[in-house]
């Protein structure tokens, strides 16, 4: 029996976590081409916080969520949560009832059209439409991908959500990364960073991780060729040379920005005679600062190619789902919180300590015993 109301964490407006209200709301009805999913786990992403706080400016001094389609799509009230895992419990018109009972993972994008090779105006569930911080959610049937793998718990599958993995893959495809190339992954311990390390290995590239020293062992086990500590950037190029045998990095997947971006460029251009391709910089984050001071002469004289990346394409999502089903991609799950404790999860995420690696997932309270408790983050 599907109830008429459900528990959800509802975002009431831009601001702090006090804008997130745990309350009863109506259960959505699946429309034509949609499925109704009973949510079992939803991965938390930094974009939840940034959208809530209005930290996606496209002009200096602006405070807003991103709106590449020309108008804001984040309206209130809104249920956030993009990387949704659950089971289909009902279908809308045009969807086979045989899909009821399927476990799946959402391709989180709200696509502007049916093109499979490009996505020019990114938006996503949990931003432009309600997401998974609730007990039920209505989603497009063709974007809820069946992942039956019995060895993957629902919380683990949510940790492999497209918000991180598709962003990571699009960073690599945009820069045309090839087998054998040396790729620096910044912010390597987060969701996109750990996805990048795995994806580099799948396509045959060699990932070098930039992270804190205490994250080195798990990142090496995940596939990093070496881990470079981010606290001493004055010696960064010398340390890159030591790890690469004196060769420049072929490309950088930058999630940090700020003052560090110039250092990353240094590590690609110190010996242009040793290169066989242009230096490439893919940018999909700015955790170290939203403004970088870079001499444009360094960019055009060294022919540095810069790729801004936000989300990805239908084709890339399909490929990632295949790699999940085949077991080529592995979950990097840090732990789980109850949906009713989302405030605590947000605080934990912002103040995470040295033992943090991978993704946090949010599990509805009604699903906690089965899908959350085995991965619970203990209270401090």
Protein backbone atom coordinates (compact mmCIF):
# COMPACT_ATOMS: atom_id res chain seq x y z
CA UNK A 1 0.00 0.00 0.00
CA UNK A 2 1.33 3.41 -0.99
CA UNK A 3 0.44 6.06 1.61
CA UNK A 4 -0.98 9.47 0.74
CA UNK A 5 1.64 11.37 2.77
CA UNK A 6 5.33 10.88 3.52
CA UNK A 7 8.20 12.28 5.54
CA UNK A 8 10.56 14.62 3.68
CA UNK A 9 13.26 17.18 4.43
CA UNK A 10 11.97 20.33 2.77
CA UNK A 11 14.15 23.31 1.86
CA UNK A 12 12.18 26.49 2.54
CA UNK A 13 14.61 29.06 1.12
CA UNK A 14 18.22 30.13 0.70
CA UNK A 15 20.23 30.10 3.91
CA UNK A 16 21.61 27.80 6.60
CA UNK A 17 20.49 24.37 7.72
CA UNK A 18 17.64 26.01 9.63
CA UNK A 19 15.95 26.31 6.23
CA UNK A 20 15.66 22.49 6.09
CA UNK A 21 12.38 21.36 7.69
CA UNK A 22 11.48 17.73 8.40
CA UNK A 23 7.76 17.43 7.77
CA UNK A 24 4.88 15.54 6.18
CA UNK A 25 4.16 16.19 2.50
CA UNK A 26 1.95 14.47 -0.10
CA UNK A 27 3.35 11.43 -1.88
CA UNK A 28 3.86 12.40 -5.56
CA UNK A 29 1.94 10.67 -8.32
CA UNK A 30 3.89 9.33 -11.33
CA UNK A 31 2.93 11.07 -14.55
CA UNK A 32 3.18 9.66 -18.07
CA UNK A 33 6.63 8.16 -18.61
CA UNK A 34 7.49 8.28 -14.89
CA UNK A 35 7.98 5.76 -12.11
CA UNK A 36 7.26 6.19 -8.42
CA UNK A 37 10.30 5.14 -6.40
CA UNK A 38 10.34 4.24 -2.72
CA UNK A 39 13.64 5.76 -1.65
CA UNK A 40 16.10 3.61 0.29
CA UNK A 41 19.25 5.79 0.08
CA UNK A 42 20.32 9.13 -1.39
CA UNK A 43 23.92 10.31 -1.50
CA UNK A 44 24.74 13.74 -0.10
CA UNK A 45 26.61 16.08 -2.42
CA UNK A 46 28.29 19.42 -1.81
CA UNK A 47 25.96 20.91 -4.40
CA UNK A 48 23.11 20.49 -1.86
CA UNK A 49 24.80 22.95 0.45
CA UNK A 50 25.99 25.31 -2.30
CA UNK A 51 22.54 25.51 -3.88
CA UNK A 52 20.96 26.07 -0.46
CA UNK A 53 23.41 28.88 0.35
CA UNK A 54 23.18 30.45 -3.13
CA UNK A 55 26.84 29.83 -3.93
CA UNK A 56 26.60 29.41 -7.70
CA UNK A 57 27.24 32.97 -8.92
CA UNK A 58 27.87 33.72 -12.58
CA UNK A 59 28.57 37.39 -11.82
CA UNK A 60 30.67 38.94 -9.05
CA UNK A 61 28.68 39.74 -5.95
CA UNK A 62 25.77 37.57 -7.01
CA UNK A 63 24.08 35.13 -4.62
CA UNK A 64 22.00 32.59 -6.47
CA UNK A 65 21.66 29.02 -7.58
CA UNK A 66 22.81 28.26 -11.08
CA UNK A 67 20.37 28.96 -13.90
CA UNK A 68 22.07 28.23 -17.23
CA UNK A 69 18.71 27.82 -18.94
CA UNK A 70 18.04 31.53 -18.46
CA UNK A 71 15.80 31.48 -15.40
CA UNK A 72 16.04 30.09 -11.87
CA UNK A 73 14.70 26.56 -11.49
CA UNK A 74 15.38 26.21 -7.77
CA UNK A 75 12.09 27.33 -6.30
CA UNK A 76 10.80 26.82 -2.78
CA UNK A 77 9.70 24.64 -1.15
CA UNK A 78 12.09 22.08 -2.65
CA UNK A 79 13.16 18.57 -1.65
CA UNK A 80 16.89 18.17 -2.34
CA UNK A 81 18.92 14.99 -2.91
CA UNK A 82 20.17 14.00 -6.37
CA UNK A 83 21.74 10.53 -6.19
CA UNK A 84 18.70 8.39 -5.54
CA UNK A 85 18.47 4.63 -5.02
CA UNK A 86 15.24 2.79 -4.35
CA UNK A 87 12.63 0.44 -5.73
CA UNK A 88 9.83 1.12 -8.19
CA UNK A 89 6.46 0.78 -6.48
CA UNK A 90 4.17 2.28 -9.15
CA UNK A 91 4.34 3.40 -12.78
CA UNK A 92 2.75 6.13 -14.83
CA UNK A 93 1.08 5.79 -18.21
CA UNK A 94 3.29 4.30 -20.89
CA UNK A 95 5.59 2.46 -18.46
CA UNK A 96 5.43 -1.33 -18.15
CA UNK A 97 4.14 -2.63 -14.83
CA UNK A 98 6.82 -5.30 -15.08
CA UNK A 99 9.24 -2.68 -13.80
CA UNK A 100 7.53 -2.63 -10.39
CA UNK A 101 9.99 -4.04 -7.85
CA UNK A 102 13.13 -3.06 -9.77
CA UNK A 103 15.97 -1.55 -7.77
CA UNK A 104 17.61 1.32 -9.58
CA UNK A 105 19.94 4.31 -9.56
CA UNK A 106 18.92 7.68 -10.99
CA UNK A 107 20.70 9.56 -13.75
CA UNK A 108 20.17 12.80 -11.85
CA UNK A 109 20.05 15.23 -14.76
CA UNK A 110 17.03 17.20 -15.89
CA UNK A 111 17.86 17.25 -19.59
CA UNK A 112 16.63 20.08 -21.79
CA UNK A 113 16.18 17.78 -24.81
CA UNK A 114 16.71 14.22 -26.04
CA UNK A 115 20.26 14.65 -27.30
CA UNK A 116 22.59 12.01 -25.92
CA UNK A 117 25.93 13.67 -26.70
CA UNK A 118 25.63 17.12 -25.13
CA UNK A 119 24.06 18.82 -22.11
CA UNK A 120 24.25 22.60 -22.41
CA UNK A 121 21.85 23.74 -19.70
CA UNK A 122 22.46 21.41 -16.74
CA UNK A 123 19.84 21.05 -14.06
CA UNK A 124 19.07 18.14 -11.77
CA UNK A 125 16.66 16.39 -9.45
CA UNK A 126 16.91 17.97 -6.04
CA UNK A 127 17.33 21.39 -7.67
CA UNK A 128 14.95 21.99 -10.57
CA UNK A 129 12.57 19.25 -9.36
CA UNK A 130 12.10 17.38 -6.10
CA UNK A 131 14.74 14.82 -5.21
CA UNK A 132 15.42 11.97 -2.83
CA UNK A 133 15.41 13.45 0.68
CA UNK A 134 11.99 11.90 1.13
CA UNK A 135 10.32 8.52 1.35
CA UNK A 136 9.05 8.57 -2.25
CA UNK A 137 9.94 10.41 -5.46
CA UNK A 138 8.58 10.44 -9.02
CA UNK A 139 11.27 10.12 -11.69
CA UNK A 140 11.59 9.64 -15.48
CA UNK A 141 11.46 5.92 -16.19
CA UNK A 142 14.28 6.06 -18.75
CA UNK A 143 16.63 7.72 -16.26
CA UNK A 144 16.04 5.27 -13.42
CA UNK A 145 18.51 2.55 -14.33
CA UNK A 146 18.04 -1.02 -13.13
CA UNK A 147 21.07 -2.10 -11.06
CA UNK A 148 20.30 -5.58 -9.71
CA UNK A 149 23.82 -6.36 -8.39
CA UNK A 150 23.15 -8.33 -5.17
CA UNK A 151 26.66 -7.63 -3.86
CA UNK A 152 25.93 -3.89 -3.71
CA UNK A 153 23.92 -2.64 -0.75
CA UNK A 154 21.55 0.22 -1.53
CA UNK A 155 23.69 2.68 0.45
CA UNK A 156 26.78 1.57 -1.48
CA UNK A 157 24.97 1.98 -4.80
CA UNK A 158 23.87 5.50 -3.81
CA UNK A 159 27.51 6.38 -3.13
CA UNK A 160 28.16 5.71 -6.83
CA UNK A 161 25.60 8.28 -7.92
CA UNK A 162 25.90 10.29 -11.10
CA UNK A 163 26.39 13.68 -9.44
CA UNK A 164 29.97 12.63 -8.66
CA UNK A 165 30.68 9.91 -11.23
CA UNK A 166 29.17 11.61 -14.26
CA UNK A 167 30.87 14.90 -13.40
CA UNK A 168 34.17 13.01 -13.06
CA UNK A 169 33.73 11.15 -16.33
CA UNK A 170 32.79 14.32 -18.19
CA UNK A 171 35.95 15.99 -16.88
CA UNK A 172 37.95 13.20 -18.50
CA UNK A 173 36.03 13.03 -21.78
CA UNK A 174 36.04 16.83 -22.20
CA UNK A 175 39.84 16.82 -21.95
CA UNK A 176 40.07 13.74 -24.20
CA UNK A 177 42.17 11.83 -21.67
CA UNK A 178 43.86 8.81 -23.22
CA UNK A 179 45.47 5.65 -21.89
CA UNK A 180 48.94 6.23 -20.48
CA UNK A 181 48.46 9.93 -19.75
CA UNK A 182 49.47 11.35 -16.37
CA UNK A 183 46.46 13.02 -14.72
CA UNK A 184 46.43 15.00 -11.49
CA UNK A 185 43.24 14.59 -9.45
CA UNK A 186 42.75 17.42 -6.95
CA UNK A 187 40.30 17.15 -4.05
CA UNK A 188 40.99 13.44 -4.38
CA UNK A 189 39.28 12.24 -1.19
CA UNK A 190 35.82 13.56 -2.10
CA UNK A 191 33.12 11.96 -4.22
CA UNK A 192 34.28 13.34 -7.58
CA UNK A 193 37.94 12.79 -6.70
CA UNK A 194 37.54 9.12 -5.79
CA UNK A 195 35.43 8.62 -8.92
CA UNK A 196 38.17 10.22 -11.05
CA UNK A 197 40.83 7.88 -9.67
CA UNK A 198 38.75 4.82 -10.52
CA UNK A 199 37.76 6.11 -13.95
CA UNK A 200 41.35 6.95 -14.87
CA UNK A 201 42.31 3.34 -14.19
CA UNK A 202 39.38 2.02 -16.22
CA UNK A 203 40.41 4.01 -19.31
CA UNK A 204 44.12 3.34 -18.72
CA UNK A 205 45.24 6.79 -17.56
CA UNK A 206 47.59 7.22 -14.57
CA UNK A 207 46.01 9.20 -11.70
CA UNK A 208 48.09 11.23 -9.23
CA UNK A 209 46.09 12.34 -6.20
CA UNK A 210 46.36 15.66 -4.37
CA UNK A 211 45.08 15.27 -0.84
CA UNK A 212 45.99 15.29 2.84
CA UNK A 213 48.74 12.96 3.99
CA UNK A 214 46.44 10.89 6.20
CA UNK A 215 44.31 9.97 3.16
CA UNK A 216 47.27 8.48 1.27
CA UNK A 217 46.80 4.78 2.07
CA UNK A 218 43.12 4.48 1.04
CA UNK A 219 43.72 6.57 -2.09
CA UNK A 220 46.63 4.36 -3.12
CA UNK A 221 44.46 1.29 -2.57
CA UNK A 222 41.76 2.89 -4.71
CA UNK A 223 44.20 3.25 -7.61
CA UNK A 224 46.22 6.45 -7.20
CA UNK A 225 49.75 6.12 -8.58
CA UNK A 226 50.98 8.49 -5.87
CA UNK A 227 49.52 10.91 -3.35
CA UNK A 228 50.88 14.45 -3.22
CA UNK A 229 50.26 16.39 -0.02
CA UNK A 230 48.41 19.64 -0.57
CA UNK A 231 49.83 21.57 2.40
CA UNK A 232 53.21 22.40 0.81
CA UNK A 233 52.44 23.87 -2.60
CA UNK A 234 55.75 25.76 -2.89
CA UNK A 235 57.51 22.47 -3.62
CA UNK A 236 54.64 21.04 -5.67
CA UNK A 237 56.33 20.97 -9.08
CA UNK A 238 59.46 19.35 -7.66
CA UNK A 239 57.35 16.69 -6.00
CA UNK A 240 55.49 16.05 -9.26
CA UNK A 241 58.81 15.60 -11.05
CA UNK A 242 59.94 13.13 -8.38
CA UNK A 243 56.83 11.00 -8.90
CA UNK A 244 56.70 11.16 -12.71
CA UNK A 245 60.39 10.69 -13.46
CA UNK A 246 60.76 14.33 -14.45
CA UNK A 247 57.80 14.32 -16.88
CA UNK A 248 55.10 17.02 -16.82
CA UNK A 249 51.52 16.15 -16.03
CA UNK A 250 49.45 15.70 -19.17
CA UNK A 251 46.28 17.06 -17.59
CA UNK A 252 44.75 18.28 -14.34
CA UNK A 253 41.24 17.55 -13.08
CA UNK A 254 40.74 20.58 -10.85
CA UNK A 255 38.18 20.60 -8.06
CA UNK A 256 40.05 23.13 -5.92
CA UNK A 257 40.65 26.36 -7.84
CA UNK A 258 41.84 29.44 -5.96
CA UNK A 259 45.58 30.06 -5.73
CA UNK A 260 46.38 26.43 -6.44
CA UNK A 261 45.27 26.51 -10.08
CA UNK A 262 48.41 28.40 -11.11
CA UNK A 263 50.54 25.72 -9.45
CA UNK A 264 48.69 23.03 -11.35
CA UNK A 265 49.48 24.79 -14.61
CA UNK A 266 53.16 24.96 -13.57
CA UNK A 267 53.17 21.17 -13.27
CA UNK A 268 51.99 20.79 -16.89
CA UNK A 269 54.23 23.32 -18.67
CA UNK A 270 57.70 23.09 -17.09
CA UNK A 271 59.05 21.04 -20.04
CA UNK A 272 56.99 21.52 -23.19
CA UNK A 273 59.54 19.54 -25.23
CA UNK A 274 58.60 16.46 -23.21
CA UNK A 275 54.93 16.79 -24.16
CA UNK A 276 53.11 15.21 -27.09
CA UNK A 277 49.73 16.85 -26.43
CA UNK A 278 48.49 20.24 -25.23
CA UNK A 279 48.25 20.84 -21.47
CA UNK A 280 44.63 20.40 -20.39
CA UNK A 281 42.78 21.69 -17.33
CA UNK A 282 39.26 20.46 -16.54
CA UNK A 283 37.52 22.48 -13.83
CA UNK A 284 34.42 21.29 -11.97
CA UNK A 285 34.83 22.85 -8.54
CA UNK A 286 36.37 25.64 -6.53
CA UNK A 287 36.66 24.42 -2.95
CA UNK A 288 39.88 26.41 -2.53
CA UNK A 289 38.42 29.68 -3.81
CA UNK A 290 36.19 30.90 -6.63
CA UNK A 291 38.72 33.40 -8.02
CA UNK A 292 42.15 32.48 -9.42
CA UNK A 293 44.72 35.01 -10.61
CA UNK A 294 46.40 33.64 -13.75
CA UNK A 295 48.45 35.40 -16.41
CA UNK A 296 46.63 34.91 -19.69
CA UNK A 297 50.00 34.92 -21.46
CA UNK A 298 50.72 31.64 -19.64
CA UNK A 299 47.50 30.21 -21.03
CA UNK A 300 47.90 31.19 -24.67
CA UNK A 301 51.67 30.93 -25.02
CA UNK A 302 51.69 27.44 -23.52
CA UNK A 303 48.39 26.64 -25.30
CA UNK A 304 46.72 25.44 -22.12
CA UNK A 305 43.26 24.10 -22.93
CA UNK A 306 40.65 24.84 -20.24
CA UNK A 307 37.39 22.90 -19.93
CA UNK A 308 34.58 23.98 -17.65
CA UNK A 309 32.54 20.96 -16.61
CA UNK A 310 29.07 20.75 -15.13
CA UNK A 311 27.33 17.37 -15.15
CA UNK A 312 27.54 15.30 -18.35
CA UNK A 313 25.54 13.55 -21.05
CA UNK A 314 23.08 10.69 -21.42
CA UNK A 315 25.74 8.66 -23.22
CA UNK A 316 28.16 9.08 -20.32
CA UNK A 317 25.51 8.09 -17.78
CA UNK A 318 24.73 4.93 -19.77
CA UNK A 319 28.42 3.98 -19.84
CA UNK A 320 28.79 4.53 -16.12
CA UNK A 321 25.77 2.35 -15.38
CA UNK A 322 27.38 -0.43 -17.44
CA UNK A 323 30.61 -0.14 -15.44
CA UNK A 324 28.62 -0.29 -12.18
CA UNK A 325 26.75 -3.43 -13.32
CA UNK A 326 29.99 -5.08 -14.45
CA UNK A 327 31.72 -4.34 -11.14
CA UNK A 328 34.44 -2.18 -12.74
CA UNK A 329 33.43 0.70 -10.46
CA UNK A 330 33.52 0.21 -6.70
CA UNK A 331 31.61 2.09 -4.00
CA UNK A 332 33.48 4.48 -1.73
CA UNK A 333 31.00 4.88 1.11
CA UNK A 334 31.91 6.76 4.26
CA UNK A 335 28.69 6.21 6.16
CA UNK A 336 24.96 6.84 6.55
CA UNK A 337 22.64 9.20 8.45
CA UNK A 338 18.88 9.09 8.99
CA UNK A 339 16.85 11.51 6.91
CA UNK A 340 15.53 13.11 10.11
CA UNK A 341 19.17 13.82 11.07
CA UNK A 342 20.07 15.67 7.88
CA UNK A 343 21.06 18.74 9.92
CA UNK A 344 23.66 16.62 11.73
CA UNK A 345 24.82 15.13 8.44
CA UNK A 346 25.36 18.61 6.98
CA UNK A 347 27.38 19.69 10.03
CA UNK A 348 29.40 16.49 9.92
CA UNK A 349 30.10 16.99 6.21
CA UNK A 350 31.30 20.56 6.71
CA UNK A 351 33.49 19.67 9.71
CA UNK A 352 34.66 16.26 8.55
CA UNK A 353 37.95 15.13 10.03
CA UNK A 354 40.95 13.12 8.97
CA UNK A 355 39.09 9.81 8.78
CA UNK A 356 36.73 11.04 6.06
CA UNK A 357 36.87 9.48 2.59
CA UNK A 358 34.09 8.98 0.08
CA UNK A 359 30.36 9.63 0.29
CA UNK A 360 27.72 10.13 2.95
CA UNK A 361 24.27 8.75 2.22
CA UNK A 362 20.91 9.73 3.70
CA UNK A 363 18.41 6.97 4.46
CA UNK A 364 14.70 7.50 5.23
CA UNK A 365 13.95 6.68 8.85
CA UNK A 366 11.47 3.98 7.83
CA UNK A 367 14.26 2.26 5.84
CA UNK A 368 17.00 2.80 8.41
CA UNK A 369 17.20 -0.62 10.03
CA UNK A 370 17.75 -2.42 6.73
CA UNK A 371 19.57 0.11 4.58
CA UNK A 372 21.21 2.59 6.97
CA UNK A 373 22.13 0.96 10.25
CA UNK A 374 24.92 -1.26 8.82
CA UNK A 375 26.72 1.90 7.65
CA UNK A 376 25.75 4.29 10.45
CA UNK A 377 28.08 7.18 11.28
CA UNK A 378 28.43 7.13 15.02
CA UNK A 379 27.76 10.28 16.99
CA UNK A 380 30.83 12.19 18.15
